[in-house]
């Protein structure tokens, strides 16, 4: 919680921070942020907060190194079940519709060699 890592053009930087406010209440932290409490690093916030001008993104040309993705995990089979394929398509479309400009979530699916499909990653 006290170290934030970022990457830009293959260069990684880590910074130690001293949190002024800690909480497990996400809505309280967003309220504090909108009220001017400082910087906030989180995943999956409402992109309307950015488009409305209530908050602004800083370090836009840097990406978070240690962000966590959202994964769909299912049993490996020779052929993907139509129900699973439909769900994966639905989820990818839902993430894209939720945040089409990728203010809060990178929604491009990343498919690796395993049966784990990364549906999106927080900014």
C-alpha atoms as a PDB file:
ATOM      1  CA  UNK A   1       0.000   0.000   0.000  1.00  0.00           C
ATOM      2  CA  UNK A   2       2.900   2.371   0.547  1.00  0.00           C
ATOM      3  CA  UNK A   3       4.712   1.736  -2.750  1.00  0.00           C
ATOM      4  CA  UNK A   4       3.309   2.565  -6.176  1.00  0.00           C
ATOM      5  CA  UNK A   5       5.056   1.228  -9.297  1.00  0.00           C
ATOM      6  CA  UNK A   6       4.714   2.657 -12.797  1.00  0.00           C
ATOM      7  CA  UNK A   7       6.183   1.977 -16.233  1.00  0.00           C
ATOM      8  CA  UNK A   8       6.758   4.160 -19.290  1.00  0.00           C
ATOM      9  CA  UNK A   9       8.685   3.177 -22.437  1.00  0.00           C
ATOM     10  CA  UNK A  10      10.184   0.157 -20.670  1.00  0.00           C
ATOM     11  CA  UNK A  11      11.383   2.213 -17.696  1.00  0.00           C
ATOM     12  CA  UNK A  12       9.991   1.254 -14.300  1.00  0.00           C
ATOM     13  CA  UNK A  13       9.777   3.624 -11.371  1.00  0.00           C
ATOM     14  CA  UNK A  14       8.613   2.919  -7.844  1.00  0.00           C
ATOM     15  CA  UNK A  15       7.684   5.575  -5.347  1.00  0.00           C
ATOM     16  CA  UNK A  16       7.118   5.323  -1.643  1.00  0.00           C
ATOM     17  CA  UNK A  17       4.069   7.175  -0.436  1.00  0.00           C
ATOM     18  CA  UNK A  18       2.759   8.007   2.999  1.00  0.00           C
ATOM     19  CA  UNK A  19      -1.001   7.489   2.907  1.00  0.00           C
ATOM     20  CA  UNK A  20      -2.962  10.270   4.540  1.00  0.00           C
ATOM     21  CA  UNK A  21      -6.142   8.203   4.633  1.00  0.00           C
ATOM     22  CA  UNK A  22      -6.618   4.429   4.725  1.00  0.00           C
ATOM     23  CA  UNK A  23      -9.974   2.701   4.513  1.00  0.00           C
ATOM     24  CA  UNK A  24     -11.586  -0.440   3.202  1.00  0.00           C
ATOM     25  CA  UNK A  25     -14.630   1.653   2.252  1.00  0.00           C
ATOM     26  CA  UNK A  26     -14.151   2.384  -1.453  1.00  0.00           C
ATOM     27  CA  UNK A  27     -17.036   4.860  -1.636  1.00  0.00           C
ATOM     28  CA  UNK A  28     -15.648   6.829   1.318  1.00  0.00           C
ATOM     29  CA  UNK A  29     -12.259   7.059  -0.401  1.00  0.00           C
ATOM     30  CA  UNK A  30     -13.858   8.249  -3.647  1.00  0.00           C
ATOM     31  CA  UNK A  31     -15.875  10.833  -1.708  1.00  0.00           C
ATOM     32  CA  UNK A  32     -12.668  12.059  -0.066  1.00  0.00           C
ATOM     33  CA  UNK A  33     -10.946  12.212  -3.454  1.00  0.00           C
ATOM     34  CA  UNK A  34     -13.757  14.199  -5.059  1.00  0.00           C
ATOM     35  CA  UNK A  35     -13.648  16.479  -2.013  1.00  0.00           C
ATOM     36  CA  UNK A  36      -9.978  17.254  -2.664  1.00  0.00           C
ATOM     37  CA  UNK A  37      -8.224  14.897  -0.242  1.00  0.00           C
ATOM     38  CA  UNK A  38      -5.355  14.165  -2.642  1.00  0.00           C
ATOM     39  CA  UNK A  39      -4.312  11.389  -5.002  1.00  0.00           C
ATOM     40  CA  UNK A  40      -6.049   8.038  -5.198  1.00  0.00           C
ATOM     41  CA  UNK A  41      -4.859   4.903  -6.947  1.00  0.00           C
ATOM     42  CA  UNK A  42      -7.562   2.342  -7.469  1.00  0.00           C
ATOM     43  CA  UNK A  43      -9.122  -0.016  -9.919  1.00  0.00           C
ATOM     44  CA  UNK A  44     -12.578   0.044 -11.410  1.00  0.00           C
ATOM     45  CA  UNK A  45     -13.989   3.417 -10.517  1.00  0.00           C
ATOM     46  CA  UNK A  46     -16.805   5.058 -12.443  1.00  0.00           C
ATOM     47  CA  UNK A  47     -15.285   6.659 -15.577  1.00  0.00           C
ATOM     48  CA  UNK A  48     -17.969   9.381 -15.296  1.00  0.00           C
ATOM     49  CA  UNK A  49     -15.862  10.876 -12.499  1.00  0.00           C
ATOM     50  CA  UNK A  50     -13.216  11.670 -15.141  1.00  0.00           C
ATOM     51  CA  UNK A  51     -15.517  12.661 -18.011  1.00  0.00           C
ATOM     52  CA  UNK A  52     -17.525  14.960 -15.729  1.00  0.00           C
ATOM     53  CA  UNK A  53     -14.368  16.726 -14.561  1.00  0.00           C
ATOM     54  CA  UNK A  54     -14.882  15.764 -10.916  1.00  0.00           C
ATOM     55  CA  UNK A  55     -11.460  14.088 -10.926  1.00  0.00           C
ATOM     56  CA  UNK A  56      -8.584  14.121 -13.394  1.00  0.00           C
ATOM     57  CA  UNK A  57      -6.011  11.524 -14.264  1.00  0.00           C
ATOM     58  CA  UNK A  58      -2.377  12.257 -13.464  1.00  0.00           C
ATOM     59  CA  UNK A  59       0.638  10.469 -14.959  1.00  0.00           C
ATOM     60  CA  UNK A  60      -1.510   9.536 -17.968  1.00  0.00           C
ATOM     61  CA  UNK A  61       1.502   8.447 -20.020  1.00  0.00           C
ATOM     62  CA  UNK A  62       2.565   5.936 -17.337  1.00  0.00           C
ATOM     63  CA  UNK A  63       0.955   2.543 -16.698  1.00  0.00           C
ATOM     64  CA  UNK A  64       0.611   0.730 -13.385  1.00  0.00           C
ATOM     65  CA  UNK A  65       3.048  -2.179 -13.231  1.00  0.00           C
ATOM     66  CA  UNK A  66       1.328  -4.153 -10.511  1.00  0.00           C
ATOM     67  CA  UNK A  67      -2.287  -3.869 -11.615  1.00  0.00           C
ATOM     68  CA  UNK A  68      -4.482  -6.899 -11.325  1.00  0.00           C
ATOM     69  CA  UNK A  69      -6.572  -8.270 -14.137  1.00  0.00           C
ATOM     70  CA  UNK A  70     -10.029  -9.750 -14.146  1.00  0.00           C
ATOM     71  CA  UNK A  71      -9.954 -13.380 -15.220  1.00  0.00           C
ATOM     72  CA  UNK A  72     -12.441 -15.988 -16.349  1.00  0.00           C
ATOM     73  CA  UNK A  73     -11.203 -19.411 -15.316  1.00  0.00           C
ATOM     74  CA  UNK A  74     -12.779 -22.550 -16.686  1.00  0.00           C
ATOM     75  CA  UNK A  75     -11.967 -26.198 -17.306  1.00  0.00           C
ATOM     76  CA  UNK A  76      -9.685 -26.967 -20.237  1.00  0.00           C
ATOM     77  CA  UNK A  77     -11.507 -28.892 -22.951  1.00  0.00           C
ATOM     78  CA  UNK A  78     -10.727 -29.588 -26.613  1.00  0.00           C
ATOM     79  CA  UNK A  79     -13.590 -27.313 -27.651  1.00  0.00           C
ATOM     80  CA  UNK A  80     -14.812 -24.210 -25.838  1.00  0.00           C
ATOM     81  CA  UNK A  81     -18.373 -24.573 -24.576  1.00  0.00           C
ATOM     82  CA  UNK A  82     -20.797 -22.237 -26.403  1.00  0.00           C
ATOM     83  CA  UNK A  83     -22.084 -21.015 -23.020  1.00  0.00           C
ATOM     84  CA  UNK A  84     -18.568 -20.074 -21.876  1.00  0.00           C
ATOM     85  CA  UNK A  85     -17.765 -18.452 -25.224  1.00  0.00           C
ATOM     86  CA  UNK A  86     -20.996 -16.435 -25.012  1.00  0.00           C
ATOM     87  CA  UNK A  87     -20.210 -15.339 -21.465  1.00  0.00           C
ATOM     88  CA  UNK A  88     -16.655 -14.274 -22.388  1.00  0.00           C
ATOM     89  CA  UNK A  89     -17.982 -12.245 -25.305  1.00  0.00           C
ATOM     90  CA  UNK A  90     -20.659 -10.680 -23.084  1.00  0.00           C
ATOM     91  CA  UNK A  91     -18.127  -9.775 -20.371  1.00  0.00           C
ATOM     92  CA  UNK A  92     -15.686  -8.215 -22.852  1.00  0.00           C
ATOM     93  CA  UNK A  93     -18.507  -6.173 -24.414  1.00  0.00           C
ATOM     94  CA  UNK A  94     -19.783  -5.106 -20.979  1.00  0.00           C
ATOM     95  CA  UNK A  95     -16.344  -3.833 -19.937  1.00  0.00           C
ATOM     96  CA  UNK A  96     -15.977  -1.977 -23.243  1.00  0.00           C
ATOM     97  CA  UNK A  97     -19.420  -0.391 -22.845  1.00  0.00           C
ATOM     98  CA  UNK A  98     -18.780   0.537 -19.200  1.00  0.00           C
ATOM     99  CA  UNK A  99     -15.613   2.466 -20.027  1.00  0.00           C
ATOM    100  CA  UNK A 100     -15.221   2.907 -23.807  1.00  0.00           C
ATOM    101  CA  UNK A 101     -12.357   5.420 -23.463  1.00  0.00           C
ATOM    102  CA  UNK A 102     -10.473   3.251 -20.943  1.00  0.00           C
ATOM    103  CA  UNK A 103     -10.338   5.865 -18.182  1.00  0.00           C
ATOM    104  CA  UNK A 104     -10.656   3.249 -15.440  1.00  0.00           C
ATOM    105  CA  UNK A 105     -10.193  -0.111 -17.146  1.00  0.00           C
ATOM    106  CA  UNK A 106      -8.126  -1.451 -20.023  1.00  0.00           C
ATOM    107  CA  UNK A 107     -10.702  -3.724 -21.590  1.00  0.00           C
ATOM    108  CA  UNK A 108      -8.766  -5.377 -24.402  1.00  0.00           C
ATOM    109  CA  UNK A 109      -8.897  -9.123 -23.736  1.00  0.00           C
ATOM    110  CA  UNK A 110      -5.529 -10.790 -23.357  1.00  0.00           C
ATOM    111  CA  UNK A 111      -5.483 -14.473 -24.207  1.00  0.00           C
ATOM    112  CA  UNK A 112      -2.504 -16.493 -23.095  1.00  0.00           C
ATOM    113  CA  UNK A 113      -1.411 -20.081 -23.611  1.00  0.00           C
ATOM    114  CA  UNK A 114      -3.571 -21.341 -20.751  1.00  0.00           C
ATOM    115  CA  UNK A 115      -7.324 -21.464 -20.401  1.00  0.00           C
ATOM    116  CA  UNK A 116      -7.227 -18.305 -18.241  1.00  0.00           C
ATOM    117  CA  UNK A 117      -8.608 -15.358 -20.160  1.00  0.00           C
ATOM    118  CA  UNK A 118      -7.849 -11.899 -18.923  1.00  0.00           C
ATOM    119  CA  UNK A 119     -10.940  -9.805 -19.521  1.00  0.00           C
ATOM    120  CA  UNK A 120      -9.565  -6.468 -18.430  1.00  0.00           C
ATOM    121  CA  UNK A 121      -7.108  -4.731 -16.203  1.00  0.00           C
ATOM    122  CA  UNK A 122      -7.451  -1.666 -14.029  1.00  0.00           C
ATOM    123  CA  UNK A 123      -5.645   1.450 -15.171  1.00  0.00           C
END
